[in-house]
Amino acid sequence: MTAPSVGRMVRVIGPVAEANGADEAPAIITRVWSDTMVNVTVFPDNADVRRATSVRLFETEAEAREHAARTDYPMALAFWPARV
């Protein structure tokens, strides 16, 4: 598992990331609570910067989206971007 640290980039899904037709946005980790819980500053496309606290962090986009599909309330979820 990748360890989070302040300043690292992640991608976020959820209402905090939605803008301009996109359902995800890049974010910077601003606080680390644990290996799976962080605070982030989100940069949605063509929208104001947003902040989210206690965001669950996943290794992959698929894991984050699977968790979101099983959850009945909106939240921000983060995952590491794919390496290209």
PDB file of N, CA and C in Angstrom:
ATOM      1  N   MET A   1       0.834  -1.178   0.000  1.00  0.00           N
ATOM      2  CA  MET A   1       0.000   0.000   0.000  1.00  0.00           C
ATOM      3  C   MET A   1       0.883   1.249   0.000  1.00  0.00           C
ATOM      4  N   THR A   2       0.478   2.231  -0.756  1.00  0.00           N
ATOM      5  CA  THR A   2       1.198   3.495  -0.823  1.00  0.00           C
ATOM      6  C   THR A   2       0.857   4.342   0.401  1.00  0.00           C
ATOM      7  N   ALA A   3       1.861   4.848   1.087  1.00  0.00           N
ATOM      8  CA  ALA A   3       1.627   5.679   2.264  1.00  0.00           C
ATOM      9  C   ALA A   3       1.365   7.124   1.853  1.00  0.00           C
ATOM     10  N   PRO A   4       0.292   7.719   2.355  1.00  0.00           N
ATOM     11  CA  PRO A   4       0.008   9.116   2.025  1.00  0.00           C
ATOM     12  C   PRO A   4       0.931  10.061   2.790  1.00  0.00           C
ATOM     13  N   SER A   5       1.175  11.230   2.201  1.00  0.00           N
ATOM     14  CA  SER A   5       1.927  12.275   2.880  1.00  0.00           C
ATOM     15  C   SER A   5       1.424  13.628   2.359  1.00  0.00           C
ATOM     16  N   VAL A   6       1.584  14.647   3.188  1.00  0.00           N
ATOM     17  CA  VAL A   6       1.130  15.998   2.827  1.00  0.00           C
ATOM     18  C   VAL A   6       1.841  16.447   1.550  1.00  0.00           C
ATOM     19  N   GLY A   7       1.060  16.990   0.619  1.00  0.00           N
ATOM     20  CA  GLY A   7       1.610  17.483  -0.637  1.00  0.00           C
ATOM     21  C   GLY A   7       1.470  16.514  -1.797  1.00  0.00           C
ATOM     22  N   ARG A   8       1.142  15.257  -1.529  1.00  0.00           N
ATOM     23  CA  ARG A   8       0.973  14.285  -2.614  1.00  0.00           C
ATOM     24  C   ARG A   8      -0.343  14.520  -3.341  1.00  0.00           C
ATOM     25  N   MET A   9      -0.351  14.250  -4.624  1.00  0.00           N
ATOM     26  CA  MET A   9      -1.553  14.386  -5.448  1.00  0.00           C
ATOM     27  C   MET A   9      -2.349  13.091  -5.422  1.00  0.00           C
ATOM     28  N   VAL A  10      -3.668  13.227  -5.355  1.00  0.00           N
ATOM     29  CA  VAL A  10      -4.595  12.118  -5.490  1.00  0.00           C
ATOM     30  C   VAL A  10      -5.713  12.580  -6.420  1.00  0.00           C
ATOM     31  N   ARG A  11      -6.600  11.672  -6.760  1.00  0.00           N
ATOM     32  CA  ARG A  11      -7.816  12.030  -7.486  1.00  0.00           C
ATOM     33  C   ARG A  11      -8.986  11.762  -6.567  1.00  0.00           C
ATOM     34  N   VAL A  12     -10.025  12.593  -6.676  1.00  0.00           N
ATOM     35  CA  VAL A  12     -11.175  12.506  -5.781  1.00  0.00           C
ATOM     36  C   VAL A  12     -12.448  12.349  -6.596  1.00  0.00           C
ATOM     37  N   ILE A  13     -13.355  11.497  -6.099  1.00  0.00           N
ATOM     38  CA  ILE A  13     -14.696  11.375  -6.667  1.00  0.00           C
ATOM     39  C   ILE A  13     -15.694  11.767  -5.582  1.00  0.00           C
ATOM     40  N   GLY A  14     -16.898  12.099  -6.013  1.00  0.00           N
ATOM     41  CA  GLY A  14     -17.939  12.499  -5.071  1.00  0.00           C
ATOM     42  C   GLY A  14     -18.385  13.918  -5.358  1.00  0.00           C
ATOM     43  N   PRO A  15     -19.390  14.384  -4.636  1.00  0.00           N
ATOM     44  CA  PRO A  15     -19.957  15.718  -4.890  1.00  0.00           C
ATOM     45  C   PRO A  15     -18.919  16.839  -4.856  1.00  0.00           C
ATOM     46  N   VAL A  16     -17.931  16.740  -4.007  1.00  0.00           N
ATOM     47  CA  VAL A  16     -16.905  17.787  -3.894  1.00  0.00           C
ATOM     48  C   VAL A  16     -16.085  17.921  -5.176  1.00  0.00           C
ATOM     49  N   ALA A  17     -16.082  16.883  -5.999  1.00  0.00           N
ATOM     50  CA  ALA A  17     -15.269  16.877  -7.215  1.00  0.00           C
ATOM     51  C   ALA A  17     -16.066  17.214  -8.471  1.00  0.00           C
ATOM     52  N   GLU A  18     -17.371  17.239  -8.378  1.00  0.00           N
ATOM     53  CA  GLU A  18     -18.208  17.415  -9.563  1.00  0.00           C
ATOM     54  C   GLU A  18     -18.197  18.857 -10.064  1.00  0.00           C
ATOM     55  N   ALA A  19     -17.891  19.003 -11.344  1.00  0.00           N
ATOM     56  CA  ALA A  19     -17.916  20.319 -11.995  1.00  0.00           C
ATOM     57  C   ALA A  19     -17.747  20.131 -13.492  1.00  0.00           C
ATOM     58  N   ASN A  20     -18.441  20.954 -14.256  1.00  0.00           N
ATOM     59  CA  ASN A  20     -18.262  20.997 -15.702  1.00  0.00           C
ATOM     60  C   ASN A  20     -18.457  19.620 -16.341  1.00  0.00           C
ATOM     61  N   GLY A  21     -19.362  18.813 -15.797  1.00  0.00           N
ATOM     62  CA  GLY A  21     -19.661  17.498 -16.350  1.00  0.00           C
ATOM     63  C   GLY A  21     -18.743  16.384 -15.888  1.00  0.00           C
ATOM     64  N   ALA A  22     -17.716  16.692 -15.115  1.00  0.00           N
ATOM     65  CA  ALA A  22     -16.781  15.677 -14.624  1.00  0.00           C
ATOM     66  C   ALA A  22     -17.233  15.184 -13.249  1.00  0.00           C
ATOM     67  N   ASP A  23     -16.939  13.923 -12.941  1.00  0.00           N
ATOM     68  CA  ASP A  23     -17.288  13.384 -11.624  1.00  0.00           C
ATOM     69  C   ASP A  23     -16.055  13.112 -10.769  1.00  0.00           C
ATOM     70  N   GLU A  24     -14.893  13.581 -11.225  1.00  0.00           N
ATOM     71  CA  GLU A  24     -13.669  13.434 -10.446  1.00  0.00           C
ATOM     72  C   GLU A  24     -12.786  14.653 -10.673  1.00  0.00           C
ATOM     73  N   ALA A  25     -11.852  14.847  -9.738  1.00  0.00           N
ATOM     74  CA  ALA A  25     -10.968  16.007  -9.828  1.00  0.00           C
ATOM     75  C   ALA A  25      -9.657  15.698  -9.113  1.00  0.00           C
ATOM     76  N   PRO A  26      -8.580  16.396  -9.487  1.00  0.00           N
ATOM     77  CA  PRO A  26      -7.323  16.234  -8.760  1.00  0.00           C
ATOM     78  C   PRO A  26      -7.413  16.929  -7.404  1.00  0.00           C
ATOM     79  N   ALA A  27      -6.623  16.442  -6.475  1.00  0.00           N
ATOM     80  CA  ALA A  27      -6.586  17.037  -5.138  1.00  0.00           C
ATOM     81  C   ALA A  27      -5.194  16.869  -4.546  1.00  0.00           C
ATOM     82  N   ILE A  28      -4.883  17.722  -3.584  1.00  0.00           N
ATOM     83  CA  ILE A  28      -3.626  17.646  -2.853  1.00  0.00           C
ATOM     84  C   ILE A  28      -3.937  17.248  -1.413  1.00  0.00           C
ATOM     85  N   ILE A  29      -3.201  16.284  -0.895  1.00  0.00           N
ATOM     86  CA  ILE A  29      -3.363  15.883   0.500  1.00  0.00           C
ATOM     87  C   ILE A  29      -2.840  17.015   1.387  1.00  0.00           C
ATOM     88  N   THR A  30      -3.669  17.465   2.328  1.00  0.00           N
ATOM     89  CA  THR A  30      -3.283  18.555   3.221  1.00  0.00           C
ATOM     90  C   THR A  30      -3.092  18.098   4.665  1.00  0.00           C
ATOM     91  N   ARG A  31      -3.605  16.930   4.989  1.00  0.00           N
ATOM     92  CA  ARG A  31      -3.399  16.349   6.323  1.00  0.00           C
ATOM     93  C   ARG A  31      -3.573  14.848   6.224  1.00  0.00           C
ATOM     94  N   VAL A  32      -2.737  14.124   6.935  1.00  0.00           N
ATOM     95  CA  VAL A  32      -2.817  12.661   6.965  1.00  0.00           C
ATOM     96  C   VAL A  32      -3.295  12.232   8.344  1.00  0.00           C
ATOM     97  N   TRP A  33      -4.413  11.518   8.378  1.00  0.00           N
ATOM     98  CA  TRP A  33      -4.924  10.978   9.636  1.00  0.00           C
ATOM     99  C   TRP A  33      -4.437   9.546   9.835  1.00  0.00           C
ATOM    100  N   SER A  34      -4.355   8.795   8.731  1.00  0.00           N
ATOM    101  CA  SER A  34      -3.889   7.405   8.767  1.00  0.00           C
ATOM    102  C   SER A  34      -3.536   7.004   7.340  1.00  0.00           C
ATOM    103  N   ASP A  35      -3.165   5.771   7.130  1.00  0.00           N
ATOM    104  CA  ASP A  35      -2.846   5.301   5.777  1.00  0.00           C
ATOM    105  C   ASP A  35      -4.065   5.294   4.862  1.00  0.00           C
ATOM    106  N   THR A  36      -5.272   5.388   5.430  1.00  0.00           N
ATOM    107  CA  THR A  36      -6.492   5.332   4.618  1.00  0.00           C
ATOM    108  C   THR A  36      -7.427   6.514   4.840  1.00  0.00           C
ATOM    109  N   MET A  37      -6.985   7.540   5.577  1.00  0.00           N
ATOM    110  CA  MET A  37      -7.853   8.701   5.842  1.00  0.00           C
ATOM    111  C   MET A  37      -7.035   9.988   5.768  1.00  0.00           C
ATOM    112  N   VAL A  38      -7.494  10.920   4.905  1.00  0.00           N
ATOM    113  CA  VAL A  38      -6.758  12.165   4.680  1.00  0.00           C
ATOM    114  C   VAL A  38      -7.721  13.340   4.539  1.00  0.00           C
ATOM    115  N   ASN A  39      -7.200  14.552   4.669  1.00  0.00           N
ATOM    116  CA  ASN A  39      -7.897  15.771   4.269  1.00  0.00           C
ATOM    117  C   ASN A  39      -7.302  16.197   2.937  1.00  0.00           C
ATOM    118  N   VAL A  40      -8.112  16.818   2.083  1.00  0.00           N
ATOM    119  CA  VAL A  40      -7.633  17.230   0.764  1.00  0.00           C
ATOM    120  C   VAL A  40      -8.166  18.603   0.382  1.00  0.00           C
ATOM    121  N   THR A  41      -7.443  19.256  -0.514  1.00  0.00           N
ATOM    122  CA  THR A  41      -7.927  20.434  -1.225  1.00  0.00           C
ATOM    123  C   THR A  41      -8.147  19.987  -2.657  1.00  0.00           C
ATOM    124  N   VAL A  42      -9.375  20.166  -3.139  1.00  0.00           N
ATOM    125  CA  VAL A  42      -9.805  19.641  -4.443  1.00  0.00           C
ATOM    126  C   VAL A  42      -9.825  20.766  -5.473  1.00  0.00           C
ATOM    127  N   PHE A  43      -9.409  20.458  -6.685  1.00  0.00           N
ATOM    128  CA  PHE A  43      -9.352  21.422  -7.781  1.00  0.00           C
ATOM    129  C   PHE A  43     -10.257  20.975  -8.930  1.00  0.00           C
ATOM    130  N   PRO A  44     -11.590  21.199  -8.807  1.00  0.00           N
ATOM    131  CA  PRO A  44     -12.510  20.809  -9.868  1.00  0.00           C
ATOM    132  C   PRO A  44     -12.277  21.634 -11.139  1.00  0.00           C
ATOM    133  N   ASP A  45     -12.612  21.063 -12.264  1.00  0.00           N
ATOM    134  CA  ASP A  45     -12.454  21.739 -13.542  1.00  0.00           C
ATOM    135  C   ASP A  45     -13.390  22.937 -13.616  1.00  0.00           C
ATOM    136  N   ASN A  46     -12.826  24.106 -13.841  1.00  0.00           N
ATOM    137  CA  ASN A  46     -13.596  25.331 -14.050  1.00  0.00           C
ATOM    138  C   ASN A  46     -14.551  25.639 -12.894  1.00  0.00           C
ATOM    139  N   ALA A  47     -14.092  25.378 -11.660  1.00  0.00           N
ATOM    140  CA  ALA A  47     -14.904  25.671 -10.473  1.00  0.00           C
ATOM    141  C   ALA A  47     -13.979  26.110  -9.341  1.00  0.00           C
ATOM    142  N   ASP A  48     -14.568  26.657  -8.296  1.00  0.00           N
ATOM    143  CA  ASP A  48     -13.781  27.092  -7.144  1.00  0.00           C
ATOM    144  C   ASP A  48     -13.126  25.911  -6.442  1.00  0.00           C
ATOM    145  N   VAL A  49     -11.988  26.182  -5.844  1.00  0.00           N
ATOM    146  CA  VAL A  49     -11.289  25.184  -5.039  1.00  0.00           C
ATOM    147  C   VAL A  49     -12.189  24.787  -3.877  1.00  0.00           C
ATOM    148  N   ARG A  50     -12.171  23.504  -3.550  1.00  0.00           N
ATOM    149  CA  ARG A  50     -12.998  22.987  -2.455  1.00  0.00           C
ATOM    150  C   ARG A  50     -12.131  22.174  -1.499  1.00  0.00           C
ATOM    151  N   ARG A  51     -12.601  22.022  -0.291  1.00  0.00           N
ATOM    152  CA  ARG A  51     -11.867  21.239   0.693  1.00  0.00           C
ATOM    153  C   ARG A  51     -12.746  20.111   1.205  1.00  0.00           C
ATOM    154  N   ALA A  52     -12.115  18.995   1.552  1.00  0.00           N
ATOM    155  CA  ALA A  52     -12.839  17.860   2.108  1.00  0.00           C
ATOM    156  C   ALA A  52     -12.009  17.259   3.237  1.00  0.00           C
ATOM    157  N   THR A  53     -12.688  16.915   4.315  1.00  0.00           N
ATOM    158  CA  THR A  53     -12.009  16.341   5.465  1.00  0.00           C
ATOM    159  C   THR A  53     -12.400  14.881   5.643  1.00  0.00           C
ATOM    160  N   SER A  54     -11.524  14.141   6.290  1.00  0.00           N
ATOM    161  CA  SER A  54     -11.755  12.718   6.572  1.00  0.00           C
ATOM    162  C   SER A  54     -12.180  11.965   5.314  1.00  0.00           C
ATOM    163  N   VAL A  55     -11.368  12.077   4.290  1.00  0.00           N
ATOM    164  CA  VAL A  55     -11.616  11.430   2.999  1.00  0.00           C
ATOM    165  C   VAL A  55     -10.940  10.066   3.006  1.00  0.00           C
ATOM    166  N   ARG A  56     -11.703   9.042   2.698  1.00  0.00           N
ATOM    167  CA  ARG A  56     -11.138   7.691   2.650  1.00  0.00           C
ATOM    168  C   ARG A  56     -10.280   7.553   1.407  1.00  0.00           C
ATOM    169  N   LEU A  57      -9.091   6.978   1.571  1.00  0.00           N
ATOM    170  CA  LEU A  57      -8.113   6.841   0.486  1.00  0.00           C
ATOM    171  C   LEU A  57      -7.998   5.384   0.060  1.00  0.00           C
ATOM    172  N   PHE A  58      -8.105   5.144  -1.252  1.00  0.00           N
ATOM    173  CA  PHE A  58      -8.007   3.805  -1.830  1.00  0.00           C
ATOM    174  C   PHE A  58      -6.793   3.721  -2.740  1.00  0.00           C
ATOM    175  N   GLU A  59      -6.319   2.525  -2.966  1.00  0.00           N
ATOM    176  CA  GLU A  59      -5.179   2.316  -3.863  1.00  0.00           C
ATOM    177  C   GLU A  59      -5.548   2.579  -5.315  1.00  0.00           C
ATOM    178  N   THR A  60      -6.765   2.174  -5.728  1.00  0.00           N
ATOM    179  CA  THR A  60      -7.145   2.281  -7.141  1.00  0.00           C
ATOM    180  C   THR A  60      -8.505   2.951  -7.301  1.00  0.00           C
ATOM    181  N   GLU A  61      -8.727   3.465  -8.490  1.00  0.00           N
ATOM    182  CA  GLU A  61     -10.018   4.059  -8.827  1.00  0.00           C
ATOM    183  C   GLU A  61     -11.128   3.016  -8.730  1.00  0.00           C
ATOM    184  N   ALA A  62     -10.861   1.809  -9.186  1.00  0.00           N
ATOM    185  CA  ALA A  62     -11.873   0.748  -9.145  1.00  0.00           C
ATOM    186  C   ALA A  62     -12.328   0.470  -7.710  1.00  0.00           C
ATOM    187  N   GLU A  63     -11.399   0.430  -6.769  1.00  0.00           N
ATOM    188  CA  GLU A  63     -11.752   0.203  -5.360  1.00  0.00           C
ATOM    189  C   GLU A  63     -12.607   1.349  -4.823  1.00  0.00           C
ATOM    190  N   ALA A  64     -12.252   2.584  -5.162  1.00  0.00           N
ATOM    191  CA  ALA A  64     -13.008   3.745  -4.694  1.00  0.00           C
ATOM    192  C   ALA A  64     -14.420   3.739  -5.274  1.00  0.00           C
ATOM    193  N   ARG A  65     -14.541   3.458  -6.558  1.00  0.00           N
ATOM    194  CA  ARG A  65     -15.868   3.460  -7.197  1.00  0.00           C
ATOM    195  C   ARG A  65     -16.726   2.296  -6.698  1.00  0.00           C
ATOM    196  N   GLU A  66     -16.097   1.163  -6.428  1.00  0.00           N
ATOM    197  CA  GLU A  66     -16.841   0.029  -5.874  1.00  0.00           C
ATOM    198  C   GLU A  66     -17.399   0.391  -4.491  1.00  0.00           C
ATOM    199  N   HIS A  67     -16.582   1.031  -3.674  1.00  0.00           N
ATOM    200  CA  HIS A  67     -17.032   1.469  -2.354  1.00  0.00           C
ATOM    201  C   HIS A  67     -18.158   2.493  -2.483  1.00  0.00           C
ATOM    202  N   ALA A  68     -18.023   3.425  -3.394  1.00  0.00           N
ATOM    203  CA  ALA A  68     -19.056   4.451  -3.602  1.00  0.00           C
ATOM    204  C   ALA A  68     -20.379   3.813  -4.020  1.00  0.00           C
ATOM    205  N   ALA A  69     -20.314   2.780  -4.828  1.00  0.00           N
ATOM    206  CA  ALA A  69     -21.531   2.118  -5.304  1.00  0.00           C
ATOM    207  C   ALA A  69     -22.260   1.393  -4.167  1.00  0.00           C
ATOM    208  N   ARG A  70     -21.524   0.988  -3.145  1.00  0.00           N
ATOM    209  CA  ARG A  70     -22.125   0.271  -2.011  1.00  0.00           C
ATOM    210  C   ARG A  70     -22.616   1.221  -0.916  1.00  0.00           C
ATOM    211  N   THR A  71     -22.343   2.503  -1.047  1.00  0.00           N
ATOM    212  CA  THR A  71     -22.649   3.467   0.001  1.00  0.00           C
ATOM    213  C   THR A  71     -23.904   4.247  -0.365  1.00  0.00           C
ATOM    214  N   ASP A  72     -24.779   4.463   0.606  1.00  0.00           N
ATOM    215  CA  ASP A  72     -26.046   5.139   0.312  1.00  0.00           C
ATOM    216  C   ASP A  72     -26.050   6.623   0.660  1.00  0.00           C
ATOM    217  N   TYR A  73     -24.883   7.216   0.919  1.00  0.00           N
ATOM    218  CA  TYR A  73     -24.817   8.656   1.152  1.00  0.00           C
ATOM    219  C   TYR A  73     -23.613   9.232   0.413  1.00  0.00           C
ATOM    220  N   PRO A  74     -23.746  10.483  -0.064  1.00  0.00           N
ATOM    221  CA  PRO A  74     -22.641  11.072  -0.835  1.00  0.00           C
ATOM    222  C   PRO A  74     -21.450  11.412   0.059  1.00  0.00           C
ATOM    223  N   MET A  75     -20.272  11.164  -0.460  1.00  0.00           N
ATOM    224  CA  MET A  75     -19.047  11.500   0.257  1.00  0.00           C
ATOM    225  C   MET A  75     -17.922  11.659  -0.745  1.00  0.00           C
ATOM    226  N   ALA A  76     -16.829  12.208  -0.284  1.00  0.00           N
ATOM    227  CA  ALA A  76     -15.625  12.293  -1.112  1.00  0.00           C
ATOM    228  C   ALA A  76     -14.782  11.050  -0.841  1.00  0.00           C
ATOM    229  N   LEU A  77     -14.274  10.458  -1.901  1.00  0.00           N
ATOM    230  CA  LEU A  77     -13.367   9.323  -1.813  1.00  0.00           C
ATOM    231  C   LEU A  77     -12.148   9.645  -2.687  1.00  0.00           C
ATOM    232  N   ALA A  78     -10.988   9.272  -2.228  1.00  0.00           N
ATOM    233  CA  ALA A  78      -9.755   9.566  -2.980  1.00  0.00           C
ATOM    234  C   ALA A  78      -9.059   8.273  -3.377  1.00  0.00           C
ATOM    235  N   PHE A  79      -8.264   8.377  -4.437  1.00  0.00           N
ATOM    236  CA  PHE A  79      -7.462   7.229  -4.874  1.00  0.00           C
ATOM    237  C   PHE A  79      -6.221   7.758  -5.554  1.00  0.00           C
ATOM    238  N   TRP A  80      -5.198   6.907  -5.586  1.00  0.00           N
ATOM    239  CA  TRP A  80      -3.953   7.283  -6.231  1.00  0.00           C
ATOM    240  C   TRP A  80      -4.136   7.279  -7.745  1.00  0.00           C
ATOM    241  N   PRO A  81      -3.610   8.278  -8.461  1.00  0.00           N
ATOM    242  CA  PRO A  81      -3.708   8.279  -9.917  1.00  0.00           C
ATOM    243  C   PRO A  81      -2.884   7.149 -10.515  1.00  0.00           C
ATOM    244  N   ALA A  82      -3.350   6.654 -11.642  1.00  0.00           N
ATOM    245  CA  ALA A  82      -2.597   5.602 -12.342  1.00  0.00           C
ATOM    246  C   ALA A  82      -1.296   6.178 -12.854  1.00  0.00           C
ATOM    247  N   ARG A  83      -0.277   5.383 -12.810  1.00  0.00           N
ATOM    248  CA  ARG A  83       1.019   5.823 -13.369  1.00  0.00           C
ATOM    249  C   ARG A  83       1.032   5.546 -14.853  1.00  0.00           C
ATOM    250  N   VAL A  84       1.422   6.552 -15.616  1.00  0.00           N
ATOM    251  CA  VAL A  84       1.449   6.389 -17.082  1.00  0.00           C
ATOM    252  C   VAL A  84       2.829   6.730 -17.615  1.00  0.00           C
TER     253      VAL A  84
END
